[in-house]
Amino acid sequence: MNDQLRKSCRLFQGIDTSIFTQLLNDAQAFEKTYKEGSYLYTYGDELNHIGIVLDGVVQIIKRDYLGNITILGHFSTYDLFGESFAFSSQKLQVDIYAEQDCHILWLPIKQLLALPQKSDEYQIILKNLMMILSNKNLYLTRRIDVISQRSTKEKLLTYLYQQKQLQQQNIITIPLNRQQLADYLCVDRSALSYVLSQMKKEGILDYQKNQFHLLQY
């Protein structure tokens, strides 16, 4: 598992095999499993760890006072999550939720930052972390572009076009079911279903479950 983790998780890319296990030991990394539907952390908690998904799916969600859910992040195998919250002194304003049974590697921030700062591995991890944070800022920019659109149709097309650019394929697969997609777009599920049906009739797109083909873009 360790070698696949080292190769696949962006935080560890560039770390030499010979020191990787010792690095995890020095950082006091530990693993924990969570059942589908359970919460890893909830609103108001303090998060002092960076999480890495070893198996399963984790979502970061926000609920408004009416109980409506907005999906802020969707993380699968070897994705990193929680780093922005862990480096902040603020309590969580979101919930971290197990969308599926999941197995998580936790890295305590205090121990991670205590690694020798002049060591090669520290510099590599710092560089990788800055790259990850930069990419997530780009993700947030794309997300704002989606939810700032006025209509459900415009939000959906903006999201799907972004995915087409990222995947560089005519037929794209998204990691969200219909309810999750509605939550991501901040729209009502029934409104989303109606718009999808109309766009299919108009020949704008075709779809089957979570696969979409943009026919006019």
N, C-alpha and C. Protein backbone atom coordinates (compact mmCIF):
# COMPACT_ATOMS: atom_id res chain seq x y z
N MET A 1 0.82 -1.21 0.00
CA MET A 1 0.00 0.00 0.00
C MET A 1 0.85 1.26 0.00
N ASN A 2 1.94 1.26 0.80
CA ASN A 2 2.75 2.46 0.92
C ASN A 2 3.33 2.93 -0.39
N ASP A 3 3.80 1.98 -1.24
CA ASP A 3 4.41 2.38 -2.49
C ASP A 3 3.37 2.95 -3.44
N GLN A 4 2.17 2.37 -3.47
CA GLN A 4 1.11 2.91 -4.32
C GLN A 4 0.66 4.28 -3.82
N LEU A 5 0.61 4.45 -2.53
CA LEU A 5 0.27 5.74 -1.94
C LEU A 5 1.31 6.79 -2.32
N ARG A 6 2.57 6.43 -2.22
CA ARG A 6 3.65 7.36 -2.56
C ARG A 6 3.57 7.79 -4.03
N LYS A 7 3.24 6.85 -4.90
CA LYS A 7 3.19 7.15 -6.33
C LYS A 7 1.93 7.92 -6.72
N SER A 8 0.82 7.64 -6.03
CA SER A 8 -0.48 8.14 -6.49
C SER A 8 -0.96 9.41 -5.80
N CYS A 9 -0.52 9.64 -4.55
CA CYS A 9 -0.95 10.84 -3.83
C CYS A 9 -0.02 11.99 -4.18
N ARG A 10 -0.60 13.09 -4.62
CA ARG A 10 0.22 14.22 -5.08
C ARG A 10 1.10 14.80 -3.97
N LEU A 11 0.70 14.64 -2.72
CA LEU A 11 1.49 15.18 -1.63
C LEU A 11 2.86 14.52 -1.55
N PHE A 12 2.94 13.26 -1.94
CA PHE A 12 4.18 12.49 -1.77
C PHE A 12 4.97 12.29 -3.06
N GLN A 13 4.51 12.86 -4.14
CA GLN A 13 5.23 12.66 -5.40
C GLN A 13 6.63 13.28 -5.32
N GLY A 14 7.62 12.46 -5.64
CA GLY A 14 9.01 12.90 -5.56
C GLY A 14 9.73 12.41 -4.31
N ILE A 15 8.99 11.84 -3.37
CA ILE A 15 9.60 11.30 -2.15
C ILE A 15 10.22 9.93 -2.47
N ASP A 16 11.43 9.72 -2.06
CA ASP A 16 12.14 8.47 -2.34
C ASP A 16 11.54 7.30 -1.56
N THR A 17 11.50 6.15 -2.23
CA THR A 17 10.93 4.94 -1.60
C THR A 17 11.60 4.60 -0.28
N SER A 18 12.91 4.79 -0.23
CA SER A 18 13.69 4.34 0.93
C SER A 18 13.35 5.08 2.22
N ILE A 19 12.79 6.29 2.10
CA ILE A 19 12.51 7.07 3.30
C ILE A 19 11.02 7.27 3.55
N PHE A 20 10.18 6.73 2.65
CA PHE A 20 8.76 7.05 2.73
C PHE A 20 8.11 6.50 4.00
N THR A 21 8.36 5.25 4.31
CA THR A 21 7.78 4.65 5.52
C THR A 21 8.23 5.39 6.76
N GLN A 22 9.51 5.74 6.82
CA GLN A 22 10.01 6.48 7.97
C GLN A 22 9.39 7.86 8.06
N LEU A 23 9.14 8.46 6.90
CA LEU A 23 8.49 9.77 6.86
C LEU A 23 7.10 9.70 7.48
N LEU A 24 6.32 8.68 7.14
CA LEU A 24 4.99 8.51 7.71
C LEU A 24 5.07 8.28 9.22
N ASN A 25 6.07 7.52 9.64
CA ASN A 25 6.26 7.27 11.07
C ASN A 25 6.61 8.57 11.80
N ASP A 26 7.52 9.35 11.22
CA ASP A 26 7.93 10.62 11.83
C ASP A 26 6.76 11.60 11.93
N ALA A 27 5.89 11.55 10.92
CA ALA A 27 4.72 12.44 10.91
C ALA A 27 3.58 11.91 11.78
N GLN A 28 3.78 10.73 12.39
CA GLN A 28 2.77 10.08 13.24
C GLN A 28 1.44 9.88 12.51
N ALA A 29 1.55 9.50 11.23
CA ALA A 29 0.36 9.22 10.44
C ALA A 29 -0.38 8.01 11.00
N PHE A 30 -1.70 8.03 10.91
CA PHE A 30 -2.50 6.90 11.37
C PHE A 30 -3.70 6.72 10.46
N GLU A 31 -4.24 5.50 10.44
CA GLU A 31 -5.36 5.16 9.58
C GLU A 31 -6.64 4.95 10.39
N LYS A 32 -7.76 5.26 9.74
CA LYS A 32 -9.04 5.07 10.40
C LYS A 32 -10.10 4.78 9.34
N THR A 33 -11.06 3.92 9.67
CA THR A 33 -12.13 3.59 8.74
C THR A 33 -13.44 4.22 9.20
N TYR A 34 -14.31 4.53 8.23
CA TYR A 34 -15.60 5.14 8.50
C TYR A 34 -16.67 4.46 7.66
N LYS A 35 -17.84 4.27 8.24
CA LYS A 35 -18.95 3.65 7.53
C LYS A 35 -19.65 4.67 6.63
N GLU A 36 -20.23 4.18 5.56
CA GLU A 36 -21.02 5.04 4.67
C GLU A 36 -22.10 5.77 5.47
N GLY A 37 -22.20 7.07 5.23
CA GLY A 37 -23.20 7.87 5.92
C GLY A 37 -22.75 8.47 7.23
N SER A 38 -21.55 8.11 7.68
CA SER A 38 -21.04 8.67 8.94
C SER A 38 -20.27 9.96 8.67
N TYR A 39 -20.01 10.70 9.74
CA TYR A 39 -19.30 11.98 9.62
C TYR A 39 -17.90 11.84 10.21
N LEU A 40 -16.92 12.28 9.43
CA LEU A 40 -15.54 12.27 9.89
C LEU A 40 -15.34 13.43 10.87
N TYR A 41 -15.85 14.59 10.47
CA TYR A 41 -15.85 15.78 11.32
C TYR A 41 -17.13 16.56 11.01
N THR A 42 -17.58 17.35 11.97
CA THR A 42 -18.81 18.10 11.77
C THR A 42 -18.60 19.58 12.09
N TYR A 43 -19.58 20.36 11.71
CA TYR A 43 -19.58 21.81 11.92
C TYR A 43 -19.22 22.13 13.38
N GLY A 44 -18.25 23.03 13.54
CA GLY A 44 -17.82 23.43 14.88
C GLY A 44 -16.63 22.68 15.42
N ASP A 45 -16.27 21.57 14.76
CA ASP A 45 -15.10 20.80 15.20
C ASP A 45 -13.81 21.54 14.83
N GLU A 46 -12.73 21.19 15.53
CA GLU A 46 -11.40 21.63 15.13
C GLU A 46 -10.74 20.50 14.36
N LEU A 47 -10.18 20.82 13.21
CA LEU A 47 -9.51 19.82 12.39
C LEU A 47 -8.01 20.11 12.41
N ASN A 48 -7.25 19.20 12.98
CA ASN A 48 -5.81 19.39 13.10
C ASN A 48 -5.03 18.38 12.27
N HIS A 49 -5.70 17.76 11.30
CA HIS A 49 -5.08 16.74 10.48
C HIS A 49 -5.38 16.98 9.00
N ILE A 50 -4.49 16.55 8.14
CA ILE A 50 -4.76 16.45 6.72
C ILE A 50 -5.20 15.02 6.44
N GLY A 51 -6.26 14.87 5.65
CA GLY A 51 -6.76 13.54 5.33
C GLY A 51 -6.37 13.11 3.92
N ILE A 52 -6.10 11.84 3.76
CA ILE A 52 -5.87 11.24 2.44
C ILE A 52 -6.78 10.03 2.32
N VAL A 53 -7.58 9.98 1.28
CA VAL A 53 -8.50 8.88 1.07
C VAL A 53 -7.71 7.67 0.53
N LEU A 54 -7.68 6.60 1.28
CA LEU A 54 -7.04 5.37 0.82
C LEU A 54 -8.04 4.51 0.06
N ASP A 55 -9.31 4.61 0.45
CA ASP A 55 -10.37 3.86 -0.23
C ASP A 55 -11.70 4.52 0.10
N GLY A 56 -12.62 4.54 -0.87
CA GLY A 56 -13.94 5.11 -0.64
C GLY A 56 -14.06 6.52 -1.18
N VAL A 57 -15.10 7.22 -0.74
CA VAL A 57 -15.39 8.58 -1.20
C VAL A 57 -15.78 9.45 0.00
N VAL A 58 -15.19 10.64 0.05
CA VAL A 58 -15.48 11.62 1.10
C VAL A 58 -16.01 12.89 0.45
N GLN A 59 -16.99 13.50 1.09
CA GLN A 59 -17.50 14.79 0.62
C GLN A 59 -17.39 15.83 1.73
N ILE A 60 -17.10 17.05 1.32
CA ILE A 60 -17.21 18.20 2.22
C ILE A 60 -18.49 18.93 1.84
N ILE A 61 -19.40 19.04 2.80
CA ILE A 61 -20.72 19.60 2.52
C ILE A 61 -21.04 20.74 3.49
N LYS A 62 -21.91 21.61 3.03
CA LYS A 62 -22.37 22.71 3.87
C LYS A 62 -23.89 22.73 3.85
N ARG A 63 -24.48 22.84 5.02
CA ARG A 63 -25.93 22.90 5.14
C ARG A 63 -26.36 24.31 5.53
N ASP A 64 -27.43 24.82 4.90
CA ASP A 64 -27.96 26.11 5.31
C ASP A 64 -28.99 25.90 6.42
N TYR A 65 -29.58 26.99 6.89
CA TYR A 65 -30.49 26.89 8.04
C TYR A 65 -31.79 26.17 7.69
N LEU A 66 -32.05 25.96 6.38
CA LEU A 66 -33.23 25.21 5.96
C LEU A 66 -32.91 23.74 5.73
N GLY A 67 -31.64 23.38 5.89
CA GLY A 67 -31.25 21.99 5.69
C GLY A 67 -30.79 21.65 4.29
N ASN A 68 -30.77 22.65 3.39
CA ASN A 68 -30.30 22.41 2.03
C ASN A 68 -28.79 22.17 2.04
N ILE A 69 -28.35 21.24 1.19
CA ILE A 69 -26.95 20.84 1.16
C ILE A 69 -26.25 21.38 -0.08
N THR A 70 -25.06 21.92 0.11
CA THR A 70 -24.19 22.29 -0.99
C THR A 70 -22.92 21.47 -0.88
N ILE A 71 -22.55 20.78 -1.97
CA ILE A 71 -21.32 19.99 -1.99
C ILE A 71 -20.16 20.90 -2.34
N LEU A 72 -19.21 21.02 -1.43
CA LEU A 72 -18.05 21.88 -1.65
C LEU A 72 -16.85 21.10 -2.17
N GLY A 73 -16.82 19.79 -1.91
CA GLY A 73 -15.70 18.99 -2.37
C GLY A 73 -16.06 17.52 -2.42
N HIS A 74 -15.46 16.81 -3.37
CA HIS A 74 -15.73 15.39 -3.59
C HIS A 74 -14.38 14.71 -3.76
N PHE A 75 -14.04 13.76 -2.88
CA PHE A 75 -12.68 13.21 -2.83
C PHE A 75 -12.70 11.68 -2.88
N SER A 76 -11.90 11.12 -3.77
CA SER A 76 -11.82 9.67 -3.91
C SER A 76 -10.38 9.21 -3.66
N THR A 77 -10.06 7.99 -4.06
CA THR A 77 -8.81 7.33 -3.67
C THR A 77 -7.58 8.18 -3.98
N TYR A 78 -6.75 8.38 -2.94
CA TYR A 78 -5.49 9.12 -2.95
C TYR A 78 -5.66 10.63 -3.07
N ASP A 79 -6.90 11.12 -2.97
CA ASP A 79 -7.12 12.56 -2.91
C ASP A 79 -6.80 13.08 -1.51
N LEU A 80 -6.32 14.29 -1.46
CA LEU A 80 -6.02 14.98 -0.20
C LEU A 80 -7.18 15.91 0.14
N PHE A 81 -7.55 15.99 1.42
CA PHE A 81 -8.62 16.90 1.81
C PHE A 81 -8.36 17.45 3.20
N GLY A 82 -8.98 18.59 3.49
CA GLY A 82 -8.93 19.16 4.83
C GLY A 82 -7.72 20.03 5.12
N GLU A 83 -6.81 20.17 4.15
CA GLU A 83 -5.57 20.90 4.44
C GLU A 83 -5.81 22.38 4.75
N SER A 84 -6.75 23.01 4.03
CA SER A 84 -7.02 24.43 4.29
C SER A 84 -7.57 24.64 5.69
N PHE A 85 -8.45 23.73 6.13
CA PHE A 85 -9.02 23.82 7.47
C PHE A 85 -7.97 23.51 8.54
N ALA A 86 -7.11 22.54 8.25
CA ALA A 86 -6.11 22.12 9.23
C ALA A 86 -5.10 23.22 9.51
N PHE A 87 -4.76 24.00 8.50
CA PHE A 87 -3.80 25.08 8.68
C PHE A 87 -4.44 26.33 9.28
N SER A 88 -5.75 26.35 9.34
CA SER A 88 -6.46 27.50 9.89
C SER A 88 -6.72 27.29 11.38
N SER A 89 -6.83 28.38 12.09
CA SER A 89 -7.17 28.31 13.52
C SER A 89 -8.69 28.34 13.73
N GLN A 90 -9.43 28.41 12.62
CA GLN A 90 -10.88 28.52 12.71
C GLN A 90 -11.53 27.14 12.85
N LYS A 91 -12.65 27.09 13.54
CA LYS A 91 -13.42 25.85 13.63
C LYS A 91 -14.14 25.61 12.31
N LEU A 92 -14.46 24.35 12.07
CA LEU A 92 -15.08 23.98 10.81
C LEU A 92 -16.43 24.67 10.62
N GLN A 93 -16.65 25.16 9.42
CA GLN A 93 -17.95 25.71 9.03
C GLN A 93 -18.67 24.75 8.08
N VAL A 94 -18.18 23.51 8.01
CA VAL A 94 -18.69 22.51 7.08
C VAL A 94 -18.74 21.16 7.80
N ASP A 95 -19.31 20.17 7.11
CA ASP A 95 -19.26 18.77 7.57
C ASP A 95 -18.40 17.97 6.60
N ILE A 96 -17.65 17.01 7.12
CA ILE A 96 -16.88 16.09 6.30
C ILE A 96 -17.54 14.73 6.43
N TYR A 97 -17.99 14.20 5.31
CA TYR A 97 -18.98 13.12 5.29
C TYR A 97 -18.49 11.93 4.46
N ALA A 98 -18.73 10.72 4.93
CA ALA A 98 -18.38 9.51 4.19
C ALA A 98 -19.50 9.16 3.22
N GLU A 99 -19.30 9.48 1.96
CA GLU A 99 -20.28 9.16 0.93
C GLU A 99 -20.35 7.65 0.71
N GLN A 100 -19.21 6.98 0.89
CA GLN A 100 -19.12 5.52 0.86
C GLN A 100 -18.30 5.07 2.06
N ASP A 101 -18.32 3.76 2.35
CA ASP A 101 -17.36 3.25 3.32
C ASP A 101 -15.97 3.74 2.91
N CYS A 102 -15.21 4.25 3.86
CA CYS A 102 -13.92 4.80 3.46
C CYS A 102 -12.84 4.49 4.50
N HIS A 103 -11.63 4.50 4.01
CA HIS A 103 -10.43 4.24 4.79
C HIS A 103 -9.53 5.45 4.61
N ILE A 104 -9.21 6.13 5.71
CA ILE A 104 -8.52 7.43 5.65
C ILE A 104 -7.17 7.35 6.34
N LEU A 105 -6.17 7.95 5.73
CA LEU A 105 -4.88 8.17 6.37
C LEU A 105 -4.86 9.62 6.86
N TRP A 106 -4.65 9.79 8.15
CA TRP A 106 -4.61 11.12 8.75
C TRP A 106 -3.16 11.52 9.05
N LEU A 107 -2.81 12.75 8.69
CA LEU A 107 -1.48 13.30 8.97
C LEU A 107 -1.63 14.49 9.92
N PRO A 108 -1.20 14.36 11.17
CA PRO A 108 -1.29 15.48 12.11
C PRO A 108 -0.42 16.65 11.63
N ILE A 109 -1.03 17.83 11.55
CA ILE A 109 -0.31 19.01 11.06
C ILE A 109 0.89 19.34 11.93
N LYS A 110 0.73 19.25 13.23
CA LYS A 110 1.82 19.61 14.14
C LYS A 110 3.05 18.77 13.88
N GLN A 111 2.86 17.47 13.71
CA GLN A 111 4.00 16.57 13.47
C GLN A 111 4.55 16.75 12.05
N LEU A 112 3.66 17.02 11.10
CA LEU A 112 4.13 17.22 9.73
C LEU A 112 5.03 18.45 9.63
N LEU A 113 4.65 19.50 10.32
CA LEU A 113 5.44 20.73 10.30
C LEU A 113 6.71 20.62 11.14
N ALA A 114 6.76 19.61 12.00
CA ALA A 114 7.93 19.41 12.85
C ALA A 114 9.05 18.63 12.14
N LEU A 115 8.78 18.17 10.91
CA LEU A 115 9.83 17.49 10.15
C LEU A 115 10.99 18.47 9.92
N PRO A 116 12.22 18.00 9.88
CA PRO A 116 13.38 18.89 9.68
C PRO A 116 13.20 19.76 8.44
N GLN A 117 13.18 21.08 8.63
CA GLN A 117 12.82 21.98 7.55
C GLN A 117 13.87 22.06 6.44
N LYS A 118 15.09 21.65 6.73
CA LYS A 118 16.13 21.69 5.71
C LYS A 118 16.24 20.37 4.94
N SER A 119 15.43 19.38 5.33
CA SER A 119 15.51 18.08 4.67
C SER A 119 14.86 18.15 3.28
N ASP A 120 15.35 17.28 2.41
CA ASP A 120 14.81 17.24 1.05
C ASP A 120 13.32 16.88 1.05
N GLU A 121 12.94 15.92 1.89
CA GLU A 121 11.55 15.47 1.90
C GLU A 121 10.60 16.58 2.37
N TYR A 122 11.06 17.39 3.33
CA TYR A 122 10.23 18.51 3.80
C TYR A 122 9.99 19.49 2.66
N GLN A 123 11.05 19.82 1.93
CA GLN A 123 10.93 20.76 0.83
C GLN A 123 10.02 20.21 -0.27
N ILE A 124 10.10 18.90 -0.53
CA ILE A 124 9.25 18.29 -1.54
C ILE A 124 7.78 18.35 -1.12
N ILE A 125 7.51 18.00 0.13
CA ILE A 125 6.13 18.03 0.62
C ILE A 125 5.58 19.45 0.61
N LEU A 126 6.40 20.42 1.01
CA LEU A 126 5.95 21.81 1.00
C LEU A 126 5.62 22.27 -0.42
N LYS A 127 6.48 21.93 -1.37
CA LYS A 127 6.23 22.28 -2.77
C LYS A 127 4.96 21.63 -3.28
N ASN A 128 4.79 20.33 -2.98
CA ASN A 128 3.59 19.62 -3.43
C ASN A 128 2.34 20.20 -2.81
N LEU A 129 2.42 20.57 -1.53
CA LEU A 129 1.26 21.14 -0.83
C LEU A 129 0.86 22.47 -1.46
N MET A 130 1.85 23.29 -1.80
CA MET A 130 1.55 24.57 -2.44
C MET A 130 0.87 24.36 -3.80
N MET A 131 1.31 23.34 -4.52
CA MET A 131 0.70 23.02 -5.81
C MET A 131 -0.74 22.55 -5.63
N ILE A 132 -0.97 21.72 -4.62
CA ILE A 132 -2.32 21.23 -4.35
C ILE A 132 -3.25 22.39 -3.99
N LEU A 133 -2.78 23.28 -3.13
CA LEU A 133 -3.59 24.43 -2.74
C LEU A 133 -3.89 25.34 -3.93
N SER A 134 -2.90 25.50 -4.80
CA SER A 134 -3.09 26.31 -6.00
C SER A 134 -4.16 25.70 -6.91
N ASN A 135 -4.08 24.37 -7.09
CA ASN A 135 -5.07 23.69 -7.92
C ASN A 135 -6.47 23.78 -7.33
N LYS A 136 -6.56 23.73 -6.00
CA LYS A 136 -7.87 23.83 -5.37
C LYS A 136 -8.44 25.25 -5.47
N ASN A 137 -7.56 26.24 -5.49
CA ASN A 137 -8.02 27.60 -5.74
C ASN A 137 -8.61 27.73 -7.14
N LEU A 138 -7.99 27.04 -8.10
CA LEU A 138 -8.53 27.02 -9.46
C LEU A 138 -9.89 26.32 -9.49
N TYR A 139 -10.00 25.24 -8.70
CA TYR A 139 -11.27 24.52 -8.59
C TYR A 139 -12.36 25.45 -8.05
N LEU A 140 -12.03 26.23 -7.02
CA LEU A 140 -13.00 27.15 -6.45
C LEU A 140 -13.41 28.23 -7.45
N THR A 141 -12.45 28.66 -8.25
CA THR A 141 -12.76 29.65 -9.29
C THR A 141 -13.75 29.07 -10.29
N ARG A 142 -13.52 27.81 -10.68
CA ARG A 142 -14.46 27.16 -11.60
C ARG A 142 -15.83 26.99 -10.94
N ARG A 143 -15.82 26.68 -9.66
CA ARG A 143 -17.09 26.49 -8.94
C ARG A 143 -17.88 27.80 -8.89
N ILE A 144 -17.20 28.89 -8.62
CA ILE A 144 -17.86 30.20 -8.60
C ILE A 144 -18.43 30.53 -9.97
N ASP A 145 -17.68 30.17 -11.01
CA ASP A 145 -18.16 30.41 -12.37
C ASP A 145 -19.46 29.66 -12.62
N VAL A 146 -19.58 28.46 -12.07
CA VAL A 146 -20.79 27.66 -12.24
C VAL A 146 -21.97 28.27 -11.50
N ILE A 147 -21.81 28.48 -10.19
CA ILE A 147 -22.97 28.88 -9.38
C ILE A 147 -23.35 30.35 -9.59
N SER A 148 -22.48 31.13 -10.25
CA SER A 148 -22.82 32.52 -10.53
C SER A 148 -23.71 32.67 -11.76
N GLN A 149 -23.89 31.59 -12.50
CA GLN A 149 -24.79 31.62 -13.65
C GLN A 149 -26.23 31.76 -13.16
N ARG A 150 -27.06 32.38 -13.96
CA ARG A 150 -28.41 32.75 -13.50
C ARG A 150 -29.41 31.60 -13.54
N SER A 151 -29.34 30.78 -14.56
CA SER A 151 -30.36 29.73 -14.70
C SER A 151 -29.76 28.35 -14.47
N THR A 152 -30.66 27.38 -14.22
CA THR A 152 -30.21 26.00 -14.05
C THR A 152 -29.52 25.51 -15.32
N LYS A 153 -30.06 25.85 -16.46
CA LYS A 153 -29.46 25.44 -17.74
C LYS A 153 -28.06 26.00 -17.89
N GLU A 154 -27.86 27.26 -17.57
CA GLU A 154 -26.55 27.88 -17.70
C GLU A 154 -25.55 27.27 -16.71
N LYS A 155 -26.01 26.99 -15.49
CA LYS A 155 -25.14 26.36 -14.50
C LYS A 155 -24.69 24.98 -14.98
N LEU A 156 -25.66 24.20 -15.47
CA LEU A 156 -25.36 22.84 -15.93
C LEU A 156 -24.40 22.86 -17.11
N LEU A 157 -24.66 23.71 -18.10
CA LEU A 157 -23.79 23.76 -19.27
C LEU A 157 -22.39 24.22 -18.91
N THR A 158 -22.30 25.18 -18.00
CA THR A 158 -20.98 25.67 -17.58
C THR A 158 -20.20 24.54 -16.91
N TYR A 159 -20.86 23.80 -16.03
CA TYR A 159 -20.19 22.69 -15.34
C TYR A 159 -19.75 21.61 -16.33
N LEU A 160 -20.65 21.22 -17.22
CA LEU A 160 -20.32 20.15 -18.17
C LEU A 160 -19.23 20.57 -19.14
N TYR A 161 -19.24 21.82 -19.54
CA TYR A 161 -18.19 22.31 -20.44
C TYR A 161 -16.84 22.32 -19.72
N GLN A 162 -16.84 22.70 -18.45
CA GLN A 162 -15.60 22.64 -17.66
C GLN A 162 -15.07 21.21 -17.62
N GLN A 163 -15.97 20.25 -17.38
CA GLN A 163 -15.56 18.85 -17.31
C GLN A 163 -15.04 18.35 -18.66
N LYS A 164 -15.64 18.81 -19.73
CA LYS A 164 -15.17 18.44 -21.07
C LYS A 164 -13.75 18.95 -21.30
N GLN A 165 -13.48 20.16 -20.86
CA GLN A 165 -12.14 20.71 -21.00
C GLN A 165 -11.13 19.94 -20.15
N LEU A 166 -11.53 19.60 -18.92
CA LEU A 166 -10.63 18.89 -18.02
C LEU A 166 -10.35 17.47 -18.48
N GLN A 167 -11.39 16.78 -18.95
CA GLN A 167 -11.25 15.38 -19.35
C GLN A 167 -10.78 15.22 -20.79
N GLN A 168 -10.94 16.32 -21.58
CA GLN A 168 -10.51 16.32 -22.98
C GLN A 168 -11.11 15.15 -23.76
N GLN A 169 -12.40 14.95 -23.52
CA GLN A 169 -13.13 13.90 -24.23
C GLN A 169 -14.51 14.44 -24.61
N ASN A 170 -15.08 13.90 -25.69
CA ASN A 170 -16.41 14.31 -26.11
C ASN A 170 -17.48 13.74 -25.19
N ILE A 171 -17.27 12.52 -24.73
CA ILE A 171 -18.19 11.90 -23.78
C ILE A 171 -17.52 11.93 -22.41
N ILE A 172 -18.13 12.62 -21.47
CA ILE A 172 -17.52 12.81 -20.16
C ILE A 172 -18.28 12.04 -19.09
N THR A 173 -17.58 11.66 -18.05
CA THR A 173 -18.18 10.99 -16.90
C THR A 173 -17.96 11.86 -15.67
N ILE A 174 -19.03 12.15 -14.97
CA ILE A 174 -18.92 12.99 -13.77
C ILE A 174 -19.06 12.11 -12.53
N PRO A 175 -18.48 12.51 -11.39
CA PRO A 175 -18.49 11.67 -10.19
C PRO A 175 -19.72 11.87 -9.30
N LEU A 176 -20.79 12.47 -9.86
CA LEU A 176 -21.94 12.86 -9.05
C LEU A 176 -23.21 12.20 -9.58
N ASN A 177 -24.07 11.73 -8.66
CA ASN A 177 -25.39 11.29 -9.07
C ASN A 177 -26.29 12.52 -9.21
N ARG A 178 -27.57 12.31 -9.54
CA ARG A 178 -28.45 13.46 -9.83
C ARG A 178 -28.62 14.38 -8.61
N GLN A 179 -28.84 13.80 -7.44
CA GLN A 179 -29.01 14.65 -6.26
C GLN A 179 -27.73 15.40 -5.94
N GLN A 180 -26.61 14.73 -6.05
CA GLN A 180 -25.32 15.37 -5.78
C GLN A 180 -25.03 16.48 -6.80
N LEU A 181 -25.39 16.22 -8.06
CA LEU A 181 -25.20 17.24 -9.09
C LEU A 181 -26.07 18.46 -8.81
N ALA A 182 -27.32 18.22 -8.40
CA ALA A 182 -28.21 19.33 -8.04
C ALA A 182 -27.63 20.13 -6.86
N ASP A 183 -27.11 19.42 -5.87
CA ASP A 183 -26.52 20.08 -4.71
C ASP A 183 -25.29 20.90 -5.14
N TYR A 184 -24.48 20.32 -6.02
CA TYR A 184 -23.27 21.02 -6.50
C TYR A 184 -23.64 22.30 -7.25
N LEU A 185 -24.71 22.22 -8.06
CA LEU A 185 -25.13 23.38 -8.85
C LEU A 185 -25.97 24.36 -8.04
N CYS A 186 -26.35 23.94 -6.83
CA CYS A 186 -27.23 24.76 -5.97
C CYS A 186 -28.59 24.98 -6.64
N VAL A 187 -29.17 23.90 -7.14
CA VAL A 187 -30.49 23.96 -7.77
C VAL A 187 -31.34 22.83 -7.22
N ASP A 188 -32.65 22.91 -7.48
CA ASP A 188 -33.57 21.87 -7.07
C ASP A 188 -33.43 20.66 -8.01
N ARG A 189 -33.50 19.47 -7.44
CA ARG A 189 -33.31 18.26 -8.26
C ARG A 189 -34.37 18.14 -9.35
N SER A 190 -35.62 18.44 -9.02
CA SER A 190 -36.68 18.33 -10.03
C SER A 190 -36.46 19.32 -11.16
N ALA A 191 -35.98 20.51 -10.83
CA ALA A 191 -35.67 21.51 -11.86
C ALA A 191 -34.52 21.03 -12.74
N LEU A 192 -33.53 20.41 -12.14
CA LEU A 192 -32.41 19.87 -12.89
C LEU A 192 -32.89 18.77 -13.84
N SER A 193 -33.73 17.86 -13.35
CA SER A 193 -34.24 16.77 -14.18
C SER A 193 -35.03 17.31 -15.37
N TYR A 194 -35.83 18.34 -15.13
CA TYR A 194 -36.62 18.95 -16.21
C TYR A 194 -35.70 19.56 -17.27
N VAL A 195 -34.68 20.30 -16.83
CA VAL A 195 -33.75 20.95 -17.76
C VAL A 195 -32.98 19.91 -18.57
N LEU A 196 -32.55 18.84 -17.91
CA LEU A 196 -31.84 17.78 -18.63
C LEU A 196 -32.73 17.19 -19.72
N SER A 197 -33.98 16.91 -19.39
CA SER A 197 -34.91 16.34 -20.35
C SER A 197 -35.13 17.28 -21.53
N GLN A 198 -35.29 18.58 -21.25
CA GLN A 198 -35.51 19.55 -22.32
C GLN A 198 -34.28 19.69 -23.21
N MET A 199 -33.10 19.71 -22.60
CA MET A 199 -31.87 19.85 -23.38
C MET A 199 -31.63 18.63 -24.26
N LYS A 200 -32.04 17.48 -23.79
CA LYS A 200 -31.92 16.26 -24.60
C LYS A 200 -32.87 16.32 -25.79
N LYS A 201 -34.10 16.78 -25.57
CA LYS A 201 -35.07 16.92 -26.66
C LYS A 201 -34.60 17.93 -27.69
N GLU A 202 -33.93 18.98 -27.24
CA GLU A 202 -33.45 20.04 -28.14
C GLU A 202 -32.16 19.67 -28.86
N GLY A 203 -31.59 18.51 -28.52
CA GLY A 203 -30.36 18.08 -29.17
C GLY A 203 -29.12 18.79 -28.69
N ILE A 204 -29.19 19.38 -27.50
CA ILE A 204 -28.04 20.08 -26.94
C ILE A 204 -27.05 19.10 -26.34
N LEU A 205 -27.60 18.04 -25.72
CA LEU A 205 -26.76 17.01 -25.12
C LEU A 205 -27.49 15.69 -25.10
N ASP A 206 -26.73 14.66 -24.84
CA ASP A 206 -27.29 13.34 -24.58
C ASP A 206 -26.65 12.83 -23.30
N TYR A 207 -27.34 11.94 -22.60
CA TYR A 207 -26.79 11.45 -21.34
C TYR A 207 -27.36 10.08 -20.99
N GLN A 208 -26.58 9.35 -20.24
CA GLN A 208 -26.99 8.07 -19.67
C GLN A 208 -26.36 7.97 -18.30
N LYS A 209 -27.20 8.05 -17.26
CA LYS A 209 -26.73 8.08 -15.89
C LYS A 209 -25.74 9.24 -15.70
N ASN A 210 -24.48 8.95 -15.36
CA ASN A 210 -23.53 10.04 -15.11
C ASN A 210 -22.57 10.26 -16.27
N GLN A 211 -22.94 9.77 -17.47
CA GLN A 211 -22.18 10.05 -18.69
C GLN A 211 -22.93 11.06 -19.54
N PHE A 212 -22.21 12.06 -20.04
CA PHE A 212 -22.82 13.14 -20.81
C PHE A 212 -22.05 13.37 -22.10
N HIS A 213 -22.80 13.70 -23.15
CA HIS A 213 -22.21 14.03 -24.43
C HIS A 213 -22.76 15.39 -24.87
N LEU A 214 -21.92 16.41 -24.87
CA LEU A 214 -22.32 17.72 -25.33
C LEU A 214 -22.31 17.74 -26.85
N LEU A 215 -23.47 17.92 -27.46
CA LEU A 215 -23.61 17.79 -28.91
C LEU A 215 -23.42 19.11 -29.66
N GLN A 216 -23.56 20.22 -28.96
CA GLN A 216 -23.47 21.52 -29.64
C GLN A 216 -22.34 22.38 -29.11
N TYR A 217 -21.43 21.81 -28.31
CA TYR A 217 -20.37 22.62 -27.71
C TYR A 217 -19.04 21.91 -27.87
